[in-house]
Every structure is written in C-alpha cells, then in structure tokens.
Amino acid sequence: MAPTNPATTLGYAILGLLARQPLSGYDLAARLKTPVGYYWTAHHGQIHPELQRLVGDRLVTYNTAAGPGPYAKKVYAITRDGRAALSAWVTEPPRPRPNRDELVLKAASLWLADPAPALALFRAEAERHAEQLAQYEATRASMEARYGERLERPDSPEFAEYVTLRCGISYEAHRLRWCRWVIARLEQAEAQ
C-alpha cells in the first residue's frame, strides 16, 4: 500500500518524468534542467536521495543496465502505486507559497535610486526576459512543428509540456512589458 503523503514536490517531479518513460538518474537530472528547470528547480545532489526514498516507498522501481563506463547504471521506472500517487497529486491545489520577487521589492524603493543605475538594472532585466521569451518562442515553434495536433490533446505528455511552456511564455512576456514600462518612466524622468 502506498504511503498517504508519498512524495515531496521533487518526488512528484521525478514521478512525472518517469510516467513518460524509464530514465537513469543522469537522464532525470538532465530533464530536471530542461524543460522542468524553466519552472521548477532541483539541485543535482537532491535527486538520488529522493529516488532512493521513492524506491523505498515502492513508488519507483529500477533495473540495472550497462553503463557508459565500467559500472552498471540504474534505470528507474514508475510503479502502479507511483502513478496513482502522481495522478492524485496533480489535481490537488498547490500549497500556498510566499511571494518573493527581489526585483519587485527593489522597485518598491525605486524612488530612492539614482536614475542611471536604475535604468541599467531594468534594461538588463528586460534583455534577460527578452532572451528567455525568444528561447521559449523557438521551443514553441519546434514543438508545434514536431507534435502538431498532439499538443491539443490533454491526454498526451506533449500537451502537458506545451501547457507549461505557454505559462512560461506568458510570464516572460508580462515581465518584459513591465520592465519596458518602468524603463520608459525612468527615461522620461531622466529627460526632465
């Protein structure tokens, strides 16, 4: 029988990846960087202990396979209990998290700042968001070309990746618009 609260958020991230296909620890770490890392991060050192916990809770199992070096590698797969736990977790409301946005915190005291470094800060942030938005848009175009109608089917893993990508696009577009709005106000004040 599966534990009542079987996994941490990292555990659910791992279960979500393993529900798509069996993966080695190395492959999991890579997928937790891209695409999962765009919206949720984990340190490499957290992954293997969490995998061992998931194995202990019988949510994940593994087989050994020949590795690239002299040692065998473990290839992990989600179990039936793991899939049931993940399926139940997906529709639970997320836990409240504190809003912590350092740039917005700085903006709250922007009236005290020298305009030149404030402009430099917001221009750099705008550039960073523009670059991320361009990367997401390129990924979106690639996904649309590769997967087509599967992106519209809620029962496909591609749909789930597309949904998170669309959220990232919206976020980056919003942040870019906001940064540009702040820049315009700072430039206007500097011109006066």
N, C-alpha and C. Protein backbone atom coordinates (compact mmCIF):
# COMPACT_ATOMS: atom_id res chain seq x y z
N MET A 1 0.84 -1.18 0.00
CA MET A 1 0.00 0.00 0.00
C MET A 1 0.88 1.25 0.00
N ALA A 2 0.55 2.21 -0.81
CA ALA A 2 1.33 3.45 -0.95
C ALA A 2 1.15 4.32 0.28
N PRO A 3 2.19 5.05 0.67
CA PRO A 3 2.07 5.97 1.79
C PRO A 3 1.02 7.04 1.50
N THR A 4 0.45 7.64 2.57
CA THR A 4 -0.58 8.66 2.40
C THR A 4 -0.03 9.91 1.71
N ASN A 5 1.12 10.37 2.12
CA ASN A 5 1.75 11.53 1.50
C ASN A 5 3.09 11.07 0.95
N PRO A 6 3.09 10.42 -0.20
CA PRO A 6 4.23 9.66 -0.64
C PRO A 6 5.45 10.44 -1.10
N ALA A 7 5.29 11.64 -1.55
CA ALA A 7 6.44 12.27 -2.18
C ALA A 7 6.53 13.75 -1.85
N THR A 8 7.72 14.25 -1.96
CA THR A 8 7.95 15.68 -1.88
C THR A 8 7.63 16.25 -3.27
N THR A 9 7.71 17.56 -3.40
CA THR A 9 7.49 18.16 -4.71
C THR A 9 8.51 17.62 -5.70
N LEU A 10 9.76 17.48 -5.27
CA LEU A 10 10.78 16.88 -6.13
C LEU A 10 10.39 15.46 -6.51
N GLY A 11 9.87 14.71 -5.56
CA GLY A 11 9.43 13.34 -5.84
C GLY A 11 8.36 13.31 -6.91
N TYR A 12 7.41 14.25 -6.83
CA TYR A 12 6.36 14.30 -7.85
C TYR A 12 6.94 14.72 -9.20
N ALA A 13 7.92 15.62 -9.19
CA ALA A 13 8.57 15.99 -10.45
C ALA A 13 9.23 14.77 -11.08
N ILE A 14 9.89 13.98 -10.26
CA ILE A 14 10.53 12.75 -10.75
C ILE A 14 9.49 11.76 -11.24
N LEU A 15 8.42 11.57 -10.47
CA LEU A 15 7.35 10.66 -10.90
C LEU A 15 6.75 11.11 -12.23
N GLY A 16 6.58 12.42 -12.40
CA GLY A 16 6.03 12.94 -13.66
C GLY A 16 6.91 12.61 -14.85
N LEU A 17 8.22 12.69 -14.65
CA LEU A 17 9.14 12.34 -15.74
C LEU A 17 9.15 10.84 -16.00
N LEU A 18 9.14 10.06 -14.93
CA LEU A 18 9.15 8.60 -15.09
C LEU A 18 7.83 8.06 -15.65
N ALA A 19 6.74 8.81 -15.48
CA ALA A 19 5.46 8.39 -16.07
C ALA A 19 5.53 8.43 -17.59
N ARG A 20 6.44 9.25 -18.12
CA ARG A 20 6.61 9.34 -19.58
C ARG A 20 7.46 8.19 -20.11
N GLN A 21 8.55 7.86 -19.35
CA GLN A 21 9.44 6.78 -19.78
C GLN A 21 10.44 6.47 -18.67
N PRO A 22 10.97 5.25 -18.61
CA PRO A 22 12.03 4.93 -17.64
C PRO A 22 13.27 5.75 -17.96
N LEU A 23 13.96 6.20 -16.90
CA LEU A 23 15.14 7.05 -17.06
C LEU A 23 16.19 6.70 -16.02
N SER A 24 17.43 6.93 -16.36
CA SER A 24 18.52 6.80 -15.39
C SER A 24 18.56 8.07 -14.52
N GLY A 25 19.29 8.02 -13.44
CA GLY A 25 19.46 9.21 -12.59
C GLY A 25 20.06 10.36 -13.37
N TYR A 26 21.02 10.06 -14.24
CA TYR A 26 21.65 11.09 -15.07
C TYR A 26 20.61 11.72 -16.01
N ASP A 27 19.79 10.89 -16.64
CA ASP A 27 18.76 11.41 -17.55
C ASP A 27 17.72 12.23 -16.79
N LEU A 28 17.37 11.80 -15.58
CA LEU A 28 16.44 12.58 -14.76
C LEU A 28 17.02 13.95 -14.46
N ALA A 29 18.29 14.00 -14.06
CA ALA A 29 18.93 15.27 -13.75
C ALA A 29 18.91 16.20 -14.97
N ALA A 30 19.16 15.65 -16.15
CA ALA A 30 19.14 16.46 -17.37
C ALA A 30 17.75 17.00 -17.65
N ARG A 31 16.73 16.16 -17.48
CA ARG A 31 15.36 16.61 -17.76
C ARG A 31 14.86 17.58 -16.69
N LEU A 32 15.41 17.49 -15.48
CA LEU A 32 15.03 18.44 -14.45
C LEU A 32 15.68 19.81 -14.69
N LYS A 33 16.66 19.86 -15.60
CA LYS A 33 17.23 21.15 -16.01
C LYS A 33 16.41 21.74 -17.14
N THR A 34 16.13 20.94 -18.15
CA THR A 34 15.35 21.38 -19.30
C THR A 34 14.42 20.25 -19.70
N PRO A 35 13.17 20.42 -19.75
CA PRO A 35 12.40 21.64 -19.66
C PRO A 35 11.90 21.97 -18.26
N VAL A 36 11.94 21.02 -17.31
CA VAL A 36 11.34 21.25 -15.99
C VAL A 36 12.01 22.43 -15.29
N GLY A 37 13.30 22.59 -15.47
CA GLY A 37 14.03 23.67 -14.81
C GLY A 37 13.56 25.07 -15.17
N TYR A 38 12.79 25.20 -16.23
CA TYR A 38 12.25 26.51 -16.58
C TYR A 38 11.23 26.99 -15.56
N TYR A 39 10.59 26.06 -14.85
CA TYR A 39 9.54 26.48 -13.92
C TYR A 39 9.69 25.87 -12.54
N TRP A 40 10.62 24.94 -12.36
CA TRP A 40 10.83 24.35 -11.04
C TRP A 40 12.23 23.75 -11.01
N THR A 41 13.02 24.06 -9.99
CA THR A 41 14.41 23.62 -9.98
C THR A 41 14.71 22.64 -8.86
N ALA A 42 15.75 21.85 -9.09
CA ALA A 42 16.26 20.91 -8.09
C ALA A 42 17.77 20.86 -8.24
N HIS A 43 18.44 20.69 -7.15
CA HIS A 43 19.89 20.53 -7.18
C HIS A 43 20.22 19.06 -7.48
N HIS A 44 21.32 18.85 -8.19
CA HIS A 44 21.72 17.50 -8.58
C HIS A 44 21.82 16.57 -7.36
N GLY A 45 22.34 17.10 -6.25
CA GLY A 45 22.51 16.29 -5.04
C GLY A 45 21.21 15.87 -4.38
N GLN A 46 20.08 16.46 -4.77
CA GLN A 46 18.79 16.10 -4.20
C GLN A 46 18.15 14.90 -4.91
N ILE A 47 18.55 14.68 -6.15
CA ILE A 47 17.84 13.72 -6.99
C ILE A 47 18.03 12.28 -6.52
N HIS A 48 19.26 11.85 -6.30
CA HIS A 48 19.50 10.45 -5.92
C HIS A 48 18.91 10.09 -4.56
N PRO A 49 19.04 10.94 -3.53
CA PRO A 49 18.37 10.60 -2.27
C PRO A 49 16.85 10.51 -2.42
N GLU A 50 16.27 11.38 -3.25
CA GLU A 50 14.82 11.33 -3.47
C GLU A 50 14.44 10.05 -4.22
N LEU A 51 15.25 9.66 -5.18
CA LEU A 51 15.00 8.39 -5.89
C LEU A 51 15.01 7.22 -4.92
N GLN A 52 15.97 7.21 -4.00
CA GLN A 52 16.04 6.11 -3.02
C GLN A 52 14.82 6.11 -2.12
N ARG A 53 14.34 7.29 -1.76
CA ARG A 53 13.14 7.38 -0.94
C ARG A 53 11.93 6.86 -1.72
N LEU A 54 11.83 7.22 -2.99
CA LEU A 54 10.72 6.75 -3.83
C LEU A 54 10.77 5.24 -4.03
N VAL A 55 11.98 4.70 -4.17
CA VAL A 55 12.13 3.24 -4.27
C VAL A 55 11.67 2.60 -2.95
N GLY A 56 12.11 3.18 -1.83
CA GLY A 56 11.71 2.66 -0.52
C GLY A 56 10.21 2.70 -0.29
N ASP A 57 9.55 3.71 -0.84
CA ASP A 57 8.10 3.83 -0.72
C ASP A 57 7.35 3.04 -1.80
N ARG A 58 8.08 2.32 -2.63
CA ARG A 58 7.54 1.48 -3.70
C ARG A 58 6.77 2.28 -4.76
N LEU A 59 7.18 3.54 -4.94
CA LEU A 59 6.57 4.37 -5.99
C LEU A 59 7.40 4.30 -7.27
N VAL A 60 8.63 3.86 -7.11
CA VAL A 60 9.57 3.74 -8.22
C VAL A 60 10.32 2.43 -8.04
N THR A 61 10.66 1.82 -9.14
CA THR A 61 11.50 0.63 -9.13
C THR A 61 12.64 0.87 -10.10
N TYR A 62 13.61 -0.02 -10.11
CA TYR A 62 14.71 0.15 -11.08
C TYR A 62 15.25 -1.19 -11.52
N ASN A 63 15.87 -1.16 -12.70
CA ASN A 63 16.63 -2.27 -13.24
C ASN A 63 18.02 -1.75 -13.51
N THR A 64 18.97 -2.63 -13.57
CA THR A 64 20.32 -2.21 -13.94
C THR A 64 20.55 -2.50 -15.41
N ALA A 65 21.34 -1.63 -16.01
CA ALA A 65 21.69 -1.77 -17.43
C ALA A 65 23.16 -1.40 -17.58
N ALA A 66 23.74 -1.82 -18.66
CA ALA A 66 25.15 -1.48 -18.91
C ALA A 66 25.29 0.04 -19.00
N GLY A 67 26.27 0.55 -18.30
CA GLY A 67 26.52 1.98 -18.31
C GLY A 67 27.59 2.34 -19.32
N PRO A 68 27.83 3.62 -19.48
CA PRO A 68 28.85 4.04 -20.43
C PRO A 68 30.26 3.70 -19.95
N GLY A 69 30.43 3.54 -18.65
CA GLY A 69 31.74 3.21 -18.08
C GLY A 69 31.75 1.80 -17.57
N PRO A 70 32.61 1.54 -16.59
CA PRO A 70 32.73 0.17 -16.07
C PRO A 70 31.59 -0.25 -15.14
N TYR A 71 30.76 0.69 -14.72
CA TYR A 71 29.69 0.36 -13.77
C TYR A 71 28.34 0.31 -14.45
N ALA A 72 27.47 -0.53 -13.91
CA ALA A 72 26.10 -0.59 -14.41
C ALA A 72 25.35 0.65 -13.95
N LYS A 73 24.36 1.05 -14.73
CA LYS A 73 23.54 2.20 -14.32
C LYS A 73 22.16 1.69 -13.95
N LYS A 74 21.51 2.44 -13.08
CA LYS A 74 20.14 2.12 -12.69
C LYS A 74 19.19 2.88 -13.61
N VAL A 75 18.21 2.18 -14.13
CA VAL A 75 17.17 2.81 -14.94
C VAL A 75 15.87 2.69 -14.13
N TYR A 76 15.34 3.84 -13.77
CA TYR A 76 14.17 3.90 -12.89
C TYR A 76 12.88 3.94 -13.68
N ALA A 77 11.84 3.34 -13.10
CA ALA A 77 10.50 3.34 -13.71
C ALA A 77 9.47 3.57 -12.62
N ILE A 78 8.40 4.20 -12.98
CA ILE A 78 7.31 4.46 -12.03
C ILE A 78 6.52 3.15 -11.83
N THR A 79 6.05 2.92 -10.62
CA THR A 79 5.22 1.75 -10.32
C THR A 79 3.74 2.14 -10.44
N ARG A 80 2.88 1.16 -10.32
CA ARG A 80 1.44 1.43 -10.33
C ARG A 80 1.07 2.36 -9.17
N ASP A 81 1.64 2.11 -7.97
CA ASP A 81 1.37 2.99 -6.82
C ASP A 81 1.91 4.40 -7.08
N GLY A 82 3.05 4.48 -7.74
CA GLY A 82 3.62 5.78 -8.07
C GLY A 82 2.74 6.55 -9.02
N ARG A 83 2.22 5.86 -10.02
CA ARG A 83 1.32 6.51 -10.99
C ARG A 83 0.03 6.96 -10.29
N ALA A 84 -0.49 6.14 -9.39
CA ALA A 84 -1.72 6.51 -8.65
C ALA A 84 -1.46 7.73 -7.76
N ALA A 85 -0.31 7.75 -7.09
CA ALA A 85 0.03 8.89 -6.23
C ALA A 85 0.19 10.16 -7.06
N LEU A 86 0.86 10.05 -8.20
CA LEU A 86 1.05 11.20 -9.08
C LEU A 86 -0.28 11.69 -9.62
N SER A 87 -1.13 10.76 -10.04
CA SER A 87 -2.43 11.12 -10.58
C SER A 87 -3.28 11.87 -9.54
N ALA A 88 -3.23 11.43 -8.29
CA ALA A 88 -3.98 12.11 -7.22
C ALA A 88 -3.39 13.48 -6.93
N TRP A 89 -2.07 13.58 -6.91
CA TRP A 89 -1.38 14.84 -6.58
C TRP A 89 -1.63 15.92 -7.63
N VAL A 90 -1.70 15.54 -8.90
CA VAL A 90 -1.84 16.51 -10.00
C VAL A 90 -3.05 17.41 -9.82
N THR A 91 -4.13 16.90 -9.25
CA THR A 91 -5.35 17.69 -9.13
C THR A 91 -5.54 18.32 -7.75
N GLU A 92 -4.58 18.11 -6.84
CA GLU A 92 -4.65 18.78 -5.53
C GLU A 92 -4.25 20.24 -5.70
N PRO A 93 -4.88 21.14 -4.94
CA PRO A 93 -4.46 22.54 -5.01
C PRO A 93 -3.00 22.66 -4.55
N PRO A 94 -2.22 23.52 -5.21
CA PRO A 94 -0.83 23.69 -4.77
C PRO A 94 -0.78 24.33 -3.38
N ARG A 95 0.27 24.01 -2.66
CA ARG A 95 0.46 24.62 -1.35
C ARG A 95 0.73 26.10 -1.52
N PRO A 96 0.17 26.93 -0.63
CA PRO A 96 0.47 28.36 -0.74
C PRO A 96 1.98 28.59 -0.57
N ARG A 97 2.51 29.47 -1.35
CA ARG A 97 3.93 29.79 -1.22
C ARG A 97 4.06 31.29 -1.09
N PRO A 98 5.04 31.72 -0.36
CA PRO A 98 5.20 33.17 -0.20
C PRO A 98 5.64 33.81 -1.51
N ASN A 99 5.11 34.98 -1.77
CA ASN A 99 5.55 35.72 -2.94
C ASN A 99 6.85 36.42 -2.60
N ARG A 100 7.90 36.08 -3.32
CA ARG A 100 9.21 36.67 -3.10
C ARG A 100 9.79 37.02 -4.45
N ASP A 101 9.81 38.28 -4.75
CA ASP A 101 10.34 38.74 -6.03
C ASP A 101 11.25 39.92 -5.74
N GLU A 102 12.54 39.67 -5.80
CA GLU A 102 13.52 40.69 -5.43
C GLU A 102 13.45 41.92 -6.32
N LEU A 103 13.20 41.74 -7.60
CA LEU A 103 13.12 42.90 -8.48
C LEU A 103 11.93 43.78 -8.12
N VAL A 104 10.80 43.18 -7.81
CA VAL A 104 9.63 43.96 -7.40
C VAL A 104 9.91 44.64 -6.06
N LEU A 105 10.61 43.95 -5.16
CA LEU A 105 10.98 44.56 -3.89
C LEU A 105 11.86 45.78 -4.12
N LYS A 106 12.81 45.67 -5.03
CA LYS A 106 13.67 46.83 -5.37
C LYS A 106 12.83 47.94 -5.99
N ALA A 107 11.89 47.57 -6.85
CA ALA A 107 11.03 48.58 -7.49
C ALA A 107 10.23 49.36 -6.46
N ALA A 108 9.90 48.72 -5.34
CA ALA A 108 9.12 49.40 -4.30
C ALA A 108 9.90 50.54 -3.66
N SER A 109 11.23 50.54 -3.80
CA SER A 109 12.06 51.63 -3.28
C SER A 109 12.80 52.35 -4.40
N LEU A 110 12.32 52.20 -5.60
CA LEU A 110 12.98 52.78 -6.77
C LEU A 110 13.06 54.30 -6.70
N TRP A 111 12.14 54.90 -6.00
CA TRP A 111 12.12 56.36 -5.89
C TRP A 111 13.37 56.91 -5.22
N LEU A 112 14.11 56.05 -4.50
CA LEU A 112 15.33 56.47 -3.83
C LEU A 112 16.58 56.29 -4.69
N ALA A 113 16.44 55.60 -5.80
CA ALA A 113 17.60 55.22 -6.60
C ALA A 113 18.05 56.32 -7.56
N ASP A 114 19.34 56.31 -7.84
CA ASP A 114 19.89 57.17 -8.88
C ASP A 114 19.34 56.63 -10.21
N PRO A 115 18.81 57.49 -11.08
CA PRO A 115 18.18 57.02 -12.32
C PRO A 115 19.09 56.20 -13.24
N ALA A 116 20.36 56.54 -13.36
CA ALA A 116 21.24 55.83 -14.29
C ALA A 116 21.41 54.35 -13.92
N PRO A 117 21.78 54.02 -12.67
CA PRO A 117 21.88 52.58 -12.35
C PRO A 117 20.53 51.88 -12.34
N ALA A 118 19.46 52.61 -12.00
CA ALA A 118 18.12 52.01 -12.04
C ALA A 118 17.76 51.64 -13.48
N LEU A 119 18.06 52.54 -14.40
CA LEU A 119 17.82 52.26 -15.82
C LEU A 119 18.65 51.06 -16.27
N ALA A 120 19.90 51.01 -15.88
CA ALA A 120 20.77 49.89 -16.25
C ALA A 120 20.21 48.57 -15.73
N LEU A 121 19.73 48.58 -14.49
CA LEU A 121 19.16 47.37 -13.90
C LEU A 121 17.96 46.90 -14.70
N PHE A 122 17.02 47.80 -14.98
CA PHE A 122 15.80 47.39 -15.68
C PHE A 122 16.06 47.06 -17.14
N ARG A 123 17.03 47.70 -17.76
CA ARG A 123 17.39 47.34 -19.13
C ARG A 123 17.98 45.93 -19.16
N ALA A 124 18.83 45.62 -18.19
CA ALA A 124 19.42 44.27 -18.13
C ALA A 124 18.33 43.22 -17.88
N GLU A 125 17.39 43.53 -17.00
CA GLU A 125 16.29 42.60 -16.73
C GLU A 125 15.42 42.42 -17.97
N ALA A 126 15.15 43.52 -18.67
CA ALA A 126 14.34 43.44 -19.89
C ALA A 126 15.05 42.57 -20.93
N GLU A 127 16.35 42.74 -21.05
CA GLU A 127 17.11 41.94 -22.01
C GLU A 127 17.07 40.45 -21.64
N ARG A 128 17.21 40.17 -20.34
CA ARG A 128 17.16 38.78 -19.88
C ARG A 128 15.80 38.15 -20.19
N HIS A 129 14.73 38.90 -19.92
CA HIS A 129 13.39 38.37 -20.19
C HIS A 129 13.14 38.24 -21.69
N ALA A 130 13.66 39.17 -22.49
CA ALA A 130 13.51 39.09 -23.94
C ALA A 130 14.23 37.85 -24.48
N GLU A 131 15.42 37.56 -23.96
CA GLU A 131 16.16 36.38 -24.40
C GLU A 131 15.43 35.09 -24.02
N GLN A 132 14.90 35.03 -22.79
CA GLN A 132 14.18 33.84 -22.36
C GLN A 132 12.90 33.67 -23.18
N LEU A 133 12.21 34.79 -23.44
CA LEU A 133 10.99 34.74 -24.24
C LEU A 133 11.30 34.22 -25.65
N ALA A 134 12.39 34.69 -26.23
CA ALA A 134 12.78 34.22 -27.57
C ALA A 134 13.08 32.72 -27.55
N GLN A 135 13.74 32.26 -26.50
CA GLN A 135 14.03 30.82 -26.38
C GLN A 135 12.74 30.02 -26.26
N TYR A 136 11.81 30.50 -25.44
CA TYR A 136 10.53 29.80 -25.30
C TYR A 136 9.75 29.80 -26.61
N GLU A 137 9.76 30.93 -27.32
CA GLU A 137 9.04 31.00 -28.59
C GLU A 137 9.64 30.03 -29.61
N ALA A 138 10.96 29.91 -29.61
CA ALA A 138 11.61 28.96 -30.51
C ALA A 138 11.22 27.53 -30.15
N THR A 139 11.17 27.24 -28.86
CA THR A 139 10.74 25.91 -28.39
C THR A 139 9.30 25.66 -28.80
N ARG A 140 8.47 26.68 -28.67
CA ARG A 140 7.06 26.53 -29.05
C ARG A 140 6.93 26.21 -30.54
N ALA A 141 7.66 26.93 -31.38
CA ALA A 141 7.61 26.68 -32.82
C ALA A 141 8.08 25.26 -33.14
N SER A 142 9.14 24.83 -32.47
CA SER A 142 9.66 23.49 -32.67
C SER A 142 8.65 22.43 -32.24
N MET A 143 8.03 22.64 -31.08
CA MET A 143 7.03 21.69 -30.60
C MET A 143 5.83 21.63 -31.54
N GLU A 144 5.37 22.79 -31.99
CA GLU A 144 4.21 22.81 -32.87
C GLU A 144 4.50 22.09 -34.18
N ALA A 145 5.72 22.28 -34.71
CA ALA A 145 6.10 21.59 -35.94
C ALA A 145 6.24 20.09 -35.72
N ARG A 146 6.79 19.71 -34.58
CA ARG A 146 7.06 18.30 -34.31
C ARG A 146 5.82 17.51 -33.89
N TYR A 147 4.99 18.10 -33.02
CA TYR A 147 3.89 17.34 -32.43
C TYR A 147 2.51 17.66 -32.99
N GLY A 148 2.35 18.81 -33.62
CA GLY A 148 1.08 19.16 -34.25
C GLY A 148 -0.11 19.04 -33.33
N GLU A 149 -1.09 18.24 -33.75
CA GLU A 149 -2.36 18.12 -33.03
C GLU A 149 -2.22 17.46 -31.66
N ARG A 150 -1.13 16.73 -31.42
CA ARG A 150 -0.95 16.10 -30.09
C ARG A 150 -0.87 17.16 -29.00
N LEU A 151 -0.48 18.38 -29.37
CA LEU A 151 -0.39 19.46 -28.39
C LEU A 151 -1.76 19.91 -27.91
N GLU A 152 -2.80 19.53 -28.62
CA GLU A 152 -4.17 19.90 -28.25
C GLU A 152 -4.88 18.80 -27.48
N ARG A 153 -4.23 17.65 -27.32
CA ARG A 153 -4.86 16.50 -26.64
C ARG A 153 -4.44 16.47 -25.17
N PRO A 154 -5.35 16.79 -24.24
CA PRO A 154 -4.99 16.79 -22.83
C PRO A 154 -4.49 15.46 -22.28
N ASP A 155 -4.68 14.36 -23.01
CA ASP A 155 -4.22 13.06 -22.53
C ASP A 155 -2.82 12.72 -23.02
N SER A 156 -2.10 13.68 -23.58
CA SER A 156 -0.75 13.40 -24.08
C SER A 156 0.31 14.14 -23.26
N PRO A 157 1.47 13.53 -23.06
CA PRO A 157 2.56 14.21 -22.36
C PRO A 157 2.99 15.49 -23.08
N GLU A 158 2.87 15.51 -24.40
CA GLU A 158 3.24 16.70 -25.16
C GLU A 158 2.33 17.88 -24.80
N PHE A 159 1.04 17.60 -24.60
CA PHE A 159 0.11 18.65 -24.18
C PHE A 159 0.57 19.25 -22.84
N ALA A 160 0.95 18.38 -21.91
CA ALA A 160 1.38 18.85 -20.59
C ALA A 160 2.63 19.73 -20.70
N GLU A 161 3.58 19.35 -21.54
CA GLU A 161 4.77 20.17 -21.73
C GLU A 161 4.41 21.49 -22.39
N TYR A 162 3.47 21.44 -23.33
CA TYR A 162 3.04 22.64 -24.04
C TYR A 162 2.34 23.61 -23.08
N VAL A 163 1.52 23.09 -22.19
CA VAL A 163 0.83 23.92 -21.20
C VAL A 163 1.84 24.68 -20.34
N THR A 164 2.87 23.99 -19.87
CA THR A 164 3.87 24.66 -19.03
C THR A 164 4.67 25.66 -19.84
N LEU A 165 4.97 25.33 -21.09
CA LEU A 165 5.68 26.27 -21.97
C LEU A 165 4.85 27.53 -22.19
N ARG A 166 3.56 27.38 -22.43
CA ARG A 166 2.70 28.54 -22.64
C ARG A 166 2.66 29.43 -21.40
N CYS A 167 2.70 28.82 -20.22
CA CYS A 167 2.77 29.61 -18.99
C CYS A 167 4.07 30.40 -18.95
N GLY A 168 5.18 29.76 -19.30
CA GLY A 168 6.47 30.44 -19.33
C GLY A 168 6.48 31.59 -20.31
N ILE A 169 5.88 31.40 -21.48
CA ILE A 169 5.80 32.46 -22.48
C ILE A 169 5.00 33.64 -21.93
N SER A 170 3.88 33.36 -21.31
CA SER A 170 3.05 34.44 -20.73
C SER A 170 3.80 35.19 -19.65
N TYR A 171 4.49 34.45 -18.79
CA TYR A 171 5.25 35.08 -17.71
C TYR A 171 6.34 35.99 -18.26
N GLU A 172 7.14 35.46 -19.19
CA GLU A 172 8.24 36.26 -19.73
C GLU A 172 7.73 37.47 -20.50
N ALA A 173 6.65 37.31 -21.25
CA ALA A 173 6.07 38.45 -21.98
C ALA A 173 5.58 39.51 -20.99
N HIS A 174 4.94 39.08 -19.91
CA HIS A 174 4.46 40.02 -18.89
C HIS A 174 5.63 40.77 -18.25
N ARG A 175 6.65 40.04 -17.84
CA ARG A 175 7.81 40.67 -17.20
C ARG A 175 8.51 41.63 -18.15
N LEU A 176 8.63 41.25 -19.40
CA LEU A 176 9.26 42.12 -20.38
C LEU A 176 8.46 43.40 -20.56
N ARG A 177 7.13 43.30 -20.68
CA ARG A 177 6.28 44.51 -20.80
C ARG A 177 6.44 45.41 -19.58
N TRP A 178 6.44 44.80 -18.39
CA TRP A 178 6.57 45.58 -17.16
C TRP A 178 7.92 46.28 -17.10
N CYS A 179 9.00 45.56 -17.40
CA CYS A 179 10.34 46.18 -17.39
C CYS A 179 10.40 47.34 -18.38
N ARG A 180 9.85 47.14 -19.56
CA ARG A 180 9.85 48.22 -20.57
C ARG A 180 9.03 49.42 -20.10
N TRP A 181 7.94 49.16 -19.41
CA TRP A 181 7.11 50.24 -18.86
C TRP A 181 7.92 51.04 -17.83
N VAL A 182 8.62 50.33 -16.93
CA VAL A 182 9.45 51.00 -15.93
C VAL A 182 10.56 51.79 -16.62
N ILE A 183 11.20 51.20 -17.61
CA ILE A 183 12.28 51.88 -18.34
C ILE A 183 11.77 53.17 -18.96
N ALA A 184 10.60 53.11 -19.59
CA ALA A 184 10.03 54.32 -20.22
C ALA A 184 9.81 55.41 -19.19
N ARG A 185 9.34 55.06 -17.99
CA ARG A 185 9.12 56.07 -16.94
C ARG A 185 10.44 56.63 -16.44
N LEU A 186 11.43 55.76 -16.29
CA LEU A 186 12.75 56.22 -15.83
C LEU A 186 13.41 57.11 -16.88
N GLU A 187 13.29 56.75 -18.14
CA GLU A 187 13.85 57.57 -19.20
C GLU A 187 13.17 58.93 -19.27
N GLN A 188 11.86 58.90 -19.09
CA GLN A 188 11.10 60.15 -19.10
C GLN A 188 11.53 61.07 -17.96
N ALA A 189 11.71 60.50 -16.77
CA ALA A 189 12.15 61.28 -15.61
C ALA A 189 13.56 61.81 -15.82
N GLU A 190 14.42 60.99 -16.43
CA GLU A 190 15.81 61.40 -16.66
C GLU A 190 15.87 62.53 -17.69
N ALA A 191 14.98 62.50 -18.68
CA ALA A 191 14.95 63.55 -19.71
C ALA A 191 14.51 64.89 -19.14
N GLN A 192 13.72 64.86 -18.09
CA GLN A 192 13.25 66.11 -17.47
C GLN A 192 14.33 66.61 -16.59
